[in-house]
Amino acid sequence: MRMTINTCLLMAILSFGSCDKHTASPYVPSQDGNHSIATRTQHLTTRSTIADVLAHPAFKGFSSYILPLEWGYDADMPLSDVERLLPYHNYIDAERCVGYINQMIDSVVAGRKIFYDLGRKDAGLFFFRGRPGAPFAVICPGGGFSYVGSIHEGFPHALALSRKGYNAFVIQYQTGSAQAALEDLAAGIWCIFRHAAELQVDTAGYSVWGSSAGARMAAYLDSYGTVAFGATPLPRPATVVMAYTGHSEYTRQDPPTYSVVGSNDGIANPATMRRRTEALQAAGIPAEFHLYQGLRHGFGLGIGTSAEGWTGGAVRFWEENR
């Protein structure tokens, strides 16, 4: 097994390095109506379909990871119905989801590489750049290890962090088991460390964020380190941010932890998260627990709810514990 993992990591080096050498050319506005540029820069709307996302030239090679399509899909489904792809999540706004997609299109048009293949099945890193040399965060979207909900609780979080100047990565991982997902996460963090100079990120005091199943990934990685999941031993994160999860395990080596959940969560029991936070505090580990009244599972950024702005508190906690 370790031989297989190490082989995958070698593939990741080669794939990552090769991709870095072939970044998109800077966007130059067309003076002659160049059709390829017009097509590549075309924004989507809620009337656009899944097929439009899959065929968009800006996402060539990774378009199937923009939306959670692991359970199957109707290619003609309009993006106005995107919530149908996220059955474990709530408070999904189609207009905002399309806006996130369009911001990613704009990044590609501006010449920024936004996806790095890890050389593993269905695994890669979406990169949302902050200030050169700023610390980085890795974000693990949830989906019950059945789908990867990046459009609701991955890309939005990364965009929010990048606007604050932080470098943010969203892990695309193989579904089906927590073990496979964690091996992808460990490989992704290892690749960020390996290519930190090229990516212009500071590896000191990084954080790992996760929601639902993604919070389990973040917690396990933070408790046991990358070496437990087949990657080279690396420093553990300075902070973990966990949103709405039933994960209860911890170690006395866990990093400072910031937890959030809604009071009406029918999947992640708020009492479980509270007890875990209290156990960390009793062990001398900085930890905060935040409960948002009336909210159900999978609220993402919580825009328009009692949780709106919660990521600001999480960033403050990260900054205090770096």
Protein backbone atom coordinates (compact mmCIF):
# COMPACT_ATOMS: atom_id res chain seq x y z
CA MET A 1 0.00 0.00 0.00
CA ARG A 2 2.74 2.46 0.92
CA MET A 3 4.50 1.65 -2.35
CA THR A 4 1.32 2.56 -4.24
CA ILE A 5 0.91 5.80 -2.31
CA ASN A 6 4.52 6.83 -2.88
CA THR A 7 4.12 6.11 -6.58
CA CYS A 8 1.07 8.36 -6.64
CA LEU A 9 3.00 11.12 -4.91
CA LEU A 10 5.77 10.85 -7.49
CA MET A 11 3.13 11.19 -10.18
CA ALA A 12 1.84 14.24 -8.35
CA ILE A 13 5.27 15.89 -8.47
CA LEU A 14 5.59 15.30 -12.18
CA SER A 15 2.04 16.37 -12.97
CA PHE A 16 2.19 19.44 -10.73
CA GLY A 17 5.54 20.57 -12.08
CA SER A 18 4.51 20.02 -15.67
CA CYS A 19 1.31 22.02 -15.20
CA ASP A 20 3.24 24.88 -13.60
CA LYS A 21 5.30 25.25 -16.75
CA HIS A 22 2.23 25.62 -18.95
CA THR A 23 0.16 28.36 -17.38
CA ALA A 24 -2.36 30.20 -19.50
CA SER A 25 -1.17 33.20 -21.47
CA PRO A 26 -2.13 36.63 -20.17
CA TYR A 27 -5.49 37.75 -21.54
CA VAL A 28 -5.26 40.31 -24.32
CA PRO A 29 -8.57 41.82 -25.47
CA SER A 30 -9.32 40.84 -29.02
CA GLN A 31 -9.16 43.56 -31.65
CA ASP A 32 -10.67 41.42 -34.40
CA GLY A 33 -13.51 39.51 -32.78
CA ASN A 34 -11.43 36.40 -32.12
CA HIS A 35 -14.07 33.71 -31.53
CA SER A 36 -11.93 31.50 -29.30
CA ILE A 37 -11.36 34.32 -26.82
CA ALA A 38 -15.04 35.25 -26.81
CA THR A 39 -16.00 31.63 -26.16
CA ARG A 40 -13.43 31.18 -23.44
CA THR A 41 -14.53 34.32 -21.59
CA GLN A 42 -18.26 33.73 -21.85
CA HIS A 43 -20.00 34.01 -18.51
CA LEU A 44 -22.72 31.59 -17.49
CA THR A 45 -26.18 32.37 -16.10
CA THR A 46 -28.73 30.40 -14.10
CA ARG A 47 -30.26 29.47 -17.46
CA SER A 48 -27.00 27.78 -18.48
CA THR A 49 -26.88 24.02 -18.08
CA ILE A 50 -24.56 21.44 -16.61
CA ALA A 51 -23.51 20.69 -20.17
CA ASP A 52 -22.43 24.32 -20.57
CA VAL A 53 -20.18 24.02 -17.52
CA LEU A 54 -18.70 20.73 -18.72
CA ALA A 55 -17.98 22.16 -22.17
CA HIS A 56 -16.66 25.56 -21.07
CA PRO A 57 -13.13 26.06 -22.50
CA ALA A 58 -11.92 27.79 -19.31
CA PHE A 59 -12.34 24.52 -17.42
CA LYS A 60 -10.79 22.18 -19.96
CA GLY A 61 -9.41 19.09 -18.21
CA PHE A 62 -11.24 19.60 -14.92
CA SER A 63 -14.77 20.78 -15.76
CA SER A 64 -16.34 17.72 -14.11
CA TYR A 65 -15.10 18.97 -10.70
CA ILE A 66 -16.80 22.37 -10.78
CA LEU A 67 -20.17 20.90 -9.76
CA PRO A 68 -20.88 17.82 -7.61
CA LEU A 69 -21.67 15.29 -10.32
CA GLU A 70 -20.55 12.11 -8.59
CA TRP A 71 -24.11 10.78 -8.12
CA GLY A 72 -25.01 11.25 -11.76
CA TYR A 73 -26.72 14.17 -13.46
CA ASP A 74 -28.91 15.41 -16.27
CA ALA A 75 -26.67 17.39 -18.61
CA ASP A 76 -29.62 19.58 -19.61
CA MET A 77 -30.40 20.61 -16.02
CA PRO A 78 -30.25 24.42 -15.69
CA LEU A 79 -27.96 25.87 -13.04
CA SER A 80 -31.03 27.41 -11.42
CA ASP A 81 -31.64 23.89 -10.05
CA VAL A 82 -28.12 23.43 -8.67
CA GLU A 83 -29.46 22.58 -5.19
CA ARG A 84 -30.61 19.23 -6.63
CA LEU A 85 -26.94 18.24 -6.80
CA LEU A 86 -26.37 18.91 -3.08
CA PRO A 87 -28.92 16.85 -1.12
CA TYR A 88 -27.00 17.11 2.19
CA HIS A 89 -26.79 20.91 2.05
CA ASN A 90 -29.12 23.84 2.67
CA TYR A 91 -29.36 27.59 1.91
CA ILE A 92 -28.00 27.12 -1.62
CA ASP A 93 -28.34 30.18 -3.83
CA ALA A 94 -28.10 29.46 -7.55
CA GLU A 95 -27.23 33.05 -8.48
CA ARG A 96 -24.29 33.05 -6.08
CA CYS A 97 -23.13 29.64 -7.30
CA VAL A 98 -23.07 30.89 -10.88
CA GLY A 99 -21.23 33.98 -9.68
CA TYR A 100 -18.50 31.80 -8.17
CA ILE A 101 -18.16 29.95 -11.46
CA ASN A 102 -17.88 33.21 -13.37
CA GLN A 103 -15.18 34.49 -11.01
CA MET A 104 -13.22 31.34 -11.79
CA ILE A 105 -13.69 31.93 -15.51
CA ASP A 106 -12.36 35.47 -15.03
CA SER A 107 -9.28 34.10 -13.24
CA VAL A 108 -8.48 31.78 -16.14
CA VAL A 109 -8.99 34.62 -18.62
CA ALA A 110 -6.58 36.76 -16.58
CA GLY A 111 -3.93 34.09 -17.08
CA ARG A 112 -4.11 32.47 -13.65
CA LYS A 113 -3.92 28.71 -13.35
CA ILE A 114 -6.71 27.60 -11.03
CA PHE A 115 -6.47 23.79 -11.01
CA TYR A 116 -3.52 21.51 -10.29
CA ASP A 117 -3.86 17.79 -10.98
CA LEU A 118 -2.36 15.63 -8.23
CA GLY A 119 -1.80 12.61 -10.46
CA ARG A 120 -4.35 10.61 -8.47
CA LYS A 121 -7.82 9.49 -9.50
CA ASP A 122 -10.25 12.43 -9.30
CA ALA A 123 -7.88 14.42 -7.12
CA GLY A 124 -6.54 17.93 -7.47
CA LEU A 125 -6.27 21.40 -5.98
CA PHE A 126 -8.19 24.50 -6.94
CA PHE A 127 -6.06 27.55 -6.15
CA PHE A 128 -7.45 30.97 -5.24
CA ARG A 129 -4.54 33.36 -4.92
CA GLY A 130 -4.05 35.92 -2.19
CA ARG A 131 -0.98 38.06 -1.56
CA PRO A 132 2.31 36.56 -2.76
CA GLY A 133 4.05 35.07 0.25
CA ALA A 134 0.92 35.02 2.43
CA PRO A 135 -0.02 31.92 4.46
CA PHE A 136 -2.33 29.34 2.93
CA ALA A 137 -5.47 27.47 3.90
CA VAL A 138 -6.74 24.16 2.53
CA ILE A 139 -10.52 23.80 2.39
CA CYS A 140 -12.25 20.40 2.44
CA PRO A 141 -15.84 20.52 1.17
CA GLY A 142 -18.33 17.95 2.42
CA GLY A 143 -20.86 15.68 0.78
CA GLY A 144 -20.94 12.54 2.90
CA PHE A 145 -18.00 11.12 0.91
CA SER A 146 -20.58 10.67 -1.86
CA TYR A 147 -20.05 13.98 -3.63
CA VAL A 148 -17.73 16.99 -3.25
CA GLY A 149 -19.76 20.13 -2.53
CA SER A 150 -17.11 22.66 -3.59
CA ILE A 151 -19.63 24.95 -5.28
CA HIS A 152 -21.34 25.64 -1.92
CA GLU A 153 -18.69 25.23 0.78
CA GLY A 154 -15.35 25.17 -1.01
CA PHE A 155 -15.06 27.85 -3.69
CA PRO A 156 -17.05 30.46 -1.70
CA HIS A 157 -14.81 30.02 1.35
CA ALA A 158 -11.65 30.16 -0.75
CA LEU A 159 -12.79 33.32 -2.52
CA ALA A 160 -13.56 34.94 0.84
CA LEU A 161 -10.10 34.07 2.17
CA SER A 162 -8.34 35.23 -1.00
CA ARG A 163 -10.09 38.60 -0.71
CA LYS A 164 -8.53 38.91 2.74
CA GLY A 165 -5.10 38.29 1.18
CA TYR A 166 -4.69 34.62 2.12
CA ASN A 167 -3.85 31.91 -0.38
CA ALA A 168 -6.61 29.31 -0.43
CA PHE A 169 -6.77 25.82 -1.90
CA VAL A 170 -9.87 23.66 -2.29
CA ILE A 171 -9.16 19.94 -2.34
CA GLN A 172 -10.93 17.85 -4.98
CA TYR A 173 -10.88 14.30 -3.66
CA GLN A 174 -12.02 10.83 -4.61
CA THR A 175 -15.37 9.91 -3.10
CA GLY A 176 -16.40 6.54 -1.70
CA SER A 177 -14.34 6.36 1.48
CA ALA A 178 -12.82 8.62 4.09
CA GLN A 179 -9.47 6.85 3.70
CA ALA A 180 -9.17 7.65 -0.01
CA ALA A 181 -10.23 11.24 0.61
CA LEU A 182 -7.65 11.66 3.38
CA GLU A 183 -4.88 10.24 1.23
CA ASP A 184 -5.79 12.80 -1.44
CA LEU A 185 -5.78 15.59 1.17
CA ALA A 186 -2.37 14.53 2.51
CA ALA A 187 -0.98 14.37 -1.02
CA GLY A 188 -2.39 17.82 -1.75
CA ILE A 189 -0.77 19.40 1.30
CA TRP A 190 2.51 17.71 0.47
CA CYS A 191 2.39 19.14 -3.05
CA ILE A 192 1.73 22.65 -1.72
CA PHE A 193 4.81 22.35 0.51
CA ARG A 194 6.83 20.87 -2.35
CA HIS A 195 5.92 23.74 -4.70
CA ALA A 196 5.61 26.57 -2.18
CA ALA A 197 8.19 28.74 -3.95
CA GLU A 198 6.47 28.41 -7.33
CA LEU A 199 3.04 29.02 -5.81
CA GLN A 200 4.36 31.92 -3.71
CA VAL A 201 2.80 30.71 -0.48
CA ASP A 202 4.11 30.73 3.08
CA THR A 203 3.90 27.23 4.60
CA ALA A 204 4.32 28.42 8.20
CA GLY A 205 1.14 28.46 10.24
CA TYR A 206 -1.19 27.12 7.58
CA SER A 207 -4.79 26.16 8.37
CA VAL A 208 -7.16 23.39 7.28
CA TRP A 209 -10.88 24.07 6.99
CA GLY A 210 -13.63 21.51 6.54
CA SER A 211 -17.40 21.24 6.47
CA SER A 212 -19.45 18.14 7.31
CA ALA A 213 -17.52 15.14 5.91
CA GLY A 214 -14.79 17.63 4.99
CA ALA A 215 -14.53 18.61 8.66
CA ARG A 216 -13.87 14.96 9.50
CA MET A 217 -11.06 15.02 6.95
CA ALA A 218 -9.60 18.18 8.47
CA ALA A 219 -9.82 16.77 12.00
CA TYR A 220 -8.20 13.45 11.17
CA LEU A 221 -5.40 15.14 9.24
CA ASP A 222 -4.80 17.57 12.10
CA SER A 223 -4.85 14.82 14.73
CA TYR A 224 -2.57 12.34 13.00
CA GLY A 225 -0.60 14.29 10.40
CA THR A 226 0.10 13.70 6.73
CA VAL A 227 2.34 10.69 7.43
CA ALA A 228 -0.66 8.72 8.73
CA PHE A 229 -2.22 8.98 5.28
CA GLY A 230 0.72 8.02 3.12
CA ALA A 231 2.45 11.35 2.56
CA THR A 232 5.80 12.73 3.65
CA PRO A 233 5.76 13.92 7.31
CA LEU A 234 4.98 17.63 7.40
CA PRO A 235 4.31 20.20 10.11
CA ARG A 236 0.74 20.03 11.34
CA PRO A 237 -1.61 22.95 10.70
CA ALA A 238 -1.62 25.86 13.11
CA THR A 239 -5.42 25.86 13.16
CA VAL A 240 -8.35 23.71 12.10
CA VAL A 241 -11.77 25.17 11.30
CA MET A 242 -14.66 22.69 11.52
CA ALA A 243 -18.21 23.33 10.35
CA TYR A 244 -21.20 21.13 11.24
CA THR A 245 -19.75 17.66 11.82
CA GLY A 246 -20.43 14.77 14.17
CA HIS A 247 -16.71 14.05 14.52
CA SER A 248 -15.89 13.48 18.19
CA GLU A 249 -12.34 12.06 18.22
CA TYR A 250 -9.36 14.18 19.25
CA THR A 251 -5.82 13.88 20.55
CA ARG A 252 -3.84 15.98 22.99
CA GLN A 253 -1.70 17.06 20.01
CA ASP A 254 -4.61 18.57 18.11
CA PRO A 255 -4.10 22.16 16.95
CA PRO A 256 -6.31 25.06 18.04
CA THR A 257 -9.82 24.41 16.72
CA TYR A 258 -12.70 26.70 15.74
CA SER A 259 -16.11 24.99 15.39
CA VAL A 260 -19.47 26.18 14.06
CA VAL A 261 -22.87 24.48 13.73
CA GLY A 262 -26.57 25.33 13.49
CA SER A 263 -28.99 24.61 16.33
CA ASN A 264 -31.39 22.73 14.02
CA ASP A 265 -28.76 20.51 12.40
CA GLY A 266 -30.30 17.07 11.94
CA ILE A 267 -27.06 15.46 10.73
CA ALA A 268 -24.35 16.88 13.02
CA ASN A 269 -25.49 17.02 16.63
CA PRO A 270 -24.47 20.41 18.08
CA ALA A 271 -23.97 18.79 21.49
CA THR A 272 -21.28 16.53 20.01
CA MET A 273 -19.35 19.51 18.70
CA ARG A 274 -19.73 21.36 21.97
CA ARG A 275 -18.43 18.39 24.00
CA ARG A 276 -15.44 18.00 21.69
CA THR A 277 -14.61 21.69 22.06
CA GLU A 278 -14.83 21.42 25.86
CA ALA A 279 -12.55 18.35 25.82
CA LEU A 280 -9.95 20.26 23.78
CA GLN A 281 -10.14 23.20 26.17
CA ALA A 282 -9.70 20.84 29.14
CA ALA A 283 -6.56 19.51 27.44
CA GLY A 284 -5.16 23.06 27.22
CA ILE A 285 -5.82 23.43 23.50
CA PRO A 286 -7.33 26.76 22.36
CA ALA A 287 -10.82 26.03 21.04
CA GLU A 288 -14.01 27.93 20.30
CA PHE A 289 -17.56 26.69 19.70
CA HIS A 290 -20.20 28.81 17.94
CA LEU A 291 -23.87 27.84 17.70
CA TYR A 292 -26.17 29.60 15.22
CA GLN A 293 -29.85 29.59 16.06
CA GLY A 294 -32.35 28.01 13.70
CA LEU A 295 -29.88 26.79 11.10
CA ARG A 296 -29.94 23.38 9.46
CA HIS A 297 -27.02 21.35 8.14
CA GLY A 298 -24.75 22.58 5.37
CA PHE A 299 -25.19 26.35 5.59
CA GLY A 300 -21.91 27.16 3.81
CA LEU A 301 -20.98 30.81 4.33
CA GLY A 302 -24.37 31.37 5.92
CA ILE A 303 -25.15 34.41 3.78
CA GLY A 304 -28.56 35.78 4.71
CA THR A 305 -28.71 33.69 7.90
CA SER A 306 -27.73 34.09 11.55
CA ALA A 307 -24.31 32.64 10.63
CA GLU A 308 -23.43 35.27 8.04
CA GLY A 309 -19.87 36.48 8.56
CA TRP A 310 -18.79 33.47 10.62
CA THR A 311 -15.62 33.04 8.54
CA GLY A 312 -14.41 36.41 9.85
CA GLY A 313 -14.30 34.97 13.36
CA ALA A 314 -12.52 31.88 12.08
CA VAL A 315 -9.87 34.01 10.37
CA ARG A 316 -9.39 36.02 13.56
CA PHE A 317 -8.90 32.76 15.51
CA TRP A 318 -6.40 31.51 12.90
CA GLU A 319 -4.45 34.76 13.09
CA GLU A 320 -4.33 34.57 16.89
CA ASN A 321 -2.98 31.02 16.81
CA ARG A 322 -0.51 31.10 13.93
